[in-house]
């Protein structure tokens, strides 16, 4: 009788699932970056920062909060914010409530960049994810993704604000 696989081995079924996940993790970011670079001159990372700011109250967030949401270092975020500042999309200001923190503030030009970039990005996300899955599969993908993200780290993740316009009737 064959012993069940140990934690250091993968069963054939696990390897099949893992190879699919690993392939998607390689291909999806590349596809998102390619579309955003081509159509908007943004990386997916930059788009995510702009989008989070656009959705935030007063279009303002602490940079440390954005770094947590993006699972990145403050150094990586600072380089991206510098690029976006030079394009007029974001401003940095000292947090008036606590001078130890820096705020990222989306400018009117930054808001316009998000508004211009979002339709093409959403179209690609729909074609690559939602159009190829049933509603139930998409829901399960969301649940599985959150569980895996939590297993990786319990840091707070970005959750889109509820928008009644986006809810299905």
Protein backbone atom coordinates (compact mmCIF):
# COMPACT_ATOMS: atom_id res chain seq x y z
CA UNK A 1 0.00 0.00 0.00
CA UNK A 2 1.30 3.46 -0.93
CA UNK A 3 1.68 5.98 1.86
CA UNK A 4 -0.14 9.29 1.48
CA UNK A 5 2.09 12.17 0.35
CA UNK A 6 3.87 14.10 3.08
CA UNK A 7 3.85 17.88 3.32
CA UNK A 8 7.05 17.94 1.26
CA UNK A 9 5.46 16.03 -1.60
CA UNK A 10 2.51 16.89 -3.80
CA UNK A 11 -0.07 14.40 -4.94
CA UNK A 12 -0.80 14.29 -8.65
CA UNK A 13 -4.07 16.15 -8.05
CA UNK A 14 -2.32 18.83 -5.95
CA UNK A 15 0.38 19.25 -8.58
CA UNK A 16 -2.28 19.70 -11.26
CA UNK A 17 -4.01 22.39 -9.22
CA UNK A 18 -0.75 24.07 -8.24
CA UNK A 19 0.58 24.17 -11.79
CA UNK A 20 -2.63 25.90 -12.88
CA UNK A 21 -2.39 28.45 -10.06
CA UNK A 22 1.31 29.09 -10.66
CA UNK A 23 0.74 29.57 -14.39
CA UNK A 24 -2.11 32.01 -13.74
CA UNK A 25 0.05 33.90 -11.23
CA UNK A 26 2.67 34.38 -13.95
CA UNK A 27 0.36 35.16 -16.86
CA UNK A 28 -2.31 37.38 -15.29
CA UNK A 29 -0.01 40.16 -13.98
CA UNK A 30 1.84 40.23 -17.30
CA UNK A 31 -1.44 40.55 -19.23
CA UNK A 32 -2.71 43.31 -16.92
CA UNK A 33 0.58 45.22 -17.11
CA UNK A 34 0.72 44.89 -20.89
CA UNK A 35 -2.78 46.30 -21.41
CA UNK A 36 -2.33 49.16 -18.95
CA UNK A 37 1.11 50.07 -20.33
CA UNK A 38 -0.16 50.01 -23.91
CA UNK A 39 -3.40 51.89 -23.30
CA UNK A 40 -2.56 54.17 -20.36
CA UNK A 41 1.18 54.27 -19.73
CA UNK A 42 0.68 52.71 -16.29
CA UNK A 43 1.85 49.55 -14.60
CA UNK A 44 -0.78 47.46 -12.86
CA UNK A 45 0.85 48.43 -9.57
CA UNK A 46 0.54 52.15 -10.37
CA UNK A 47 -3.05 51.68 -11.48
CA UNK A 48 -3.83 49.92 -8.19
CA UNK A 49 -2.36 52.81 -6.18
CA UNK A 50 -4.30 55.39 -8.19
CA UNK A 51 -7.49 53.36 -7.97
CA UNK A 52 -7.20 52.94 -4.18
CA UNK A 53 -6.66 56.69 -3.79
CA UNK A 54 -9.59 57.43 -6.09
CA UNK A 55 -11.87 55.23 -3.97
CA UNK A 56 -10.66 56.67 -0.63
CA UNK A 57 -12.44 59.45 1.27
CA UNK A 58 -11.14 62.78 -0.04
CA UNK A 59 -9.02 60.72 -2.45
CA UNK A 60 -6.39 60.56 0.30
CA UNK A 61 -4.62 57.70 2.09
CA UNK A 62 -1.52 57.33 4.24
CA UNK A 63 1.31 55.93 2.14
CA UNK A 64 1.89 53.28 4.80
CA UNK A 65 -1.73 52.16 4.37
CA UNK A 66 -1.31 51.92 0.60
CA UNK A 67 1.89 49.91 1.09
CA UNK A 68 -0.03 47.50 3.34
CA UNK A 69 -2.84 47.19 0.79
CA UNK A 70 -0.36 46.56 -2.02
CA UNK A 71 1.82 44.20 0.04
CA UNK A 72 4.87 46.24 -0.90
CA UNK A 73 7.67 48.06 0.85
CA UNK A 74 7.46 51.78 1.48
CA UNK A 75 10.54 52.09 -0.72
CA UNK A 76 8.80 50.49 -3.73
CA UNK A 77 5.72 52.60 -3.15
CA UNK A 78 7.79 55.77 -2.78
CA UNK A 79 9.46 55.18 -6.17
CA UNK A 80 6.07 54.63 -7.81
CA UNK A 81 4.57 57.70 -6.11
CA UNK A 82 7.57 59.76 -7.28
CA UNK A 83 6.85 58.72 -10.88
CA UNK A 84 3.17 59.53 -10.48
CA UNK A 85 3.99 62.86 -8.80
CA UNK A 86 6.18 63.83 -11.76
CA UNK A 87 3.18 63.20 -14.02
CA UNK A 88 0.89 65.31 -11.86
CA UNK A 89 -1.34 62.45 -10.71
CA UNK A 90 -0.46 62.32 -7.00
CA UNK A 91 0.78 64.75 -4.35
CA UNK A 92 2.46 63.94 -1.05
CA UNK A 93 1.52 65.93 2.03
CA UNK A 94 2.36 65.54 5.69
CA UNK A 95 -0.58 64.13 7.65
CA UNK A 96 -1.93 67.13 9.62
CA UNK A 97 -3.29 64.77 12.33
CA UNK A 98 0.05 63.02 12.82
CA UNK A 99 3.17 64.54 11.27
CA UNK A 100 4.97 61.19 11.37
CA UNK A 101 2.94 60.04 8.37
CA UNK A 102 2.82 61.10 4.74
CA UNK A 103 -0.42 61.16 2.82
CA UNK A 104 -0.88 60.38 -0.84
CA UNK A 105 -3.47 62.67 -2.40
CA UNK A 106 -4.92 61.99 -5.83
CA UNK A 107 -4.99 65.12 -7.98
CA UNK A 108 -7.71 66.01 -10.49
CA UNK A 109 -5.33 64.80 -13.22
CA UNK A 110 -4.88 61.55 -11.30
CA UNK A 111 -8.64 61.11 -11.06
CA UNK A 112 -8.90 61.69 -14.81
CA UNK A 113 -6.15 59.08 -15.38
CA UNK A 114 -8.10 56.52 -13.33
CA UNK A 115 -11.33 57.37 -15.17
CA UNK A 116 -9.59 57.03 -18.55
CA UNK A 117 -7.75 53.80 -17.62
CA UNK A 118 -10.54 51.91 -15.88
CA UNK A 119 -12.77 50.94 -18.84
CA UNK A 120 -9.96 49.14 -20.71
CA UNK A 121 -8.68 47.53 -17.53
CA UNK A 122 -12.15 46.35 -16.53
CA UNK A 123 -12.78 45.00 -20.04
CA UNK A 124 -9.61 42.91 -19.83
CA UNK A 125 -10.41 41.67 -16.32
CA UNK A 126 -13.86 40.65 -17.52
CA UNK A 127 -12.50 38.85 -20.58
CA UNK A 128 -9.76 37.01 -18.66
CA UNK A 129 -11.61 36.23 -15.43
CA UNK A 130 -15.35 36.78 -15.33
CA UNK A 131 -16.23 35.82 -18.90
CA UNK A 132 -14.54 32.42 -18.55
CA UNK A 133 -16.04 31.55 -15.16
CA UNK A 134 -19.59 31.01 -13.97
CA UNK A 135 -20.83 33.36 -11.23
CA UNK A 136 -20.40 30.53 -8.73
CA UNK A 137 -16.83 29.84 -9.91
CA UNK A 138 -15.98 33.55 -9.64
CA UNK A 139 -17.39 33.67 -6.11
CA UNK A 140 -15.39 30.56 -5.16
CA UNK A 141 -12.25 32.08 -6.70
CA UNK A 142 -12.75 35.15 -4.49
CA UNK A 143 -13.22 33.00 -1.38
CA UNK A 144 -10.19 30.83 -2.18
CA UNK A 145 -8.05 33.89 -2.95
CA UNK A 146 -8.93 35.53 0.38
CA UNK A 147 -8.13 32.31 2.27
CA UNK A 148 -4.74 32.00 0.55
CA UNK A 149 -3.99 35.69 1.13
CA UNK A 150 -4.81 35.28 4.82
CA UNK A 151 -2.59 32.19 5.06
CA UNK A 152 0.28 34.20 3.55
CA UNK A 153 -0.14 37.08 5.98
CA UNK A 154 -2.78 38.62 8.14
CA UNK A 155 -2.02 42.18 7.08
CA UNK A 156 -5.02 44.27 6.17
CA UNK A 157 -5.92 44.03 2.52
CA UNK A 158 -7.70 46.59 0.38
CA UNK A 159 -11.43 46.05 0.05
CA UNK A 160 -13.37 48.13 -2.43
CA UNK A 161 -15.96 50.40 -0.88
CA UNK A 162 -19.53 49.36 -1.48
CA UNK A 163 -20.88 51.23 -4.47
CA UNK A 164 -24.63 50.88 -5.01
CA UNK A 165 -24.10 51.58 -8.75
CA UNK A 166 -21.94 48.44 -9.04
CA UNK A 167 -24.32 46.11 -7.21
CA UNK A 168 -26.44 43.85 -9.37
CA UNK A 169 -30.18 44.29 -9.02
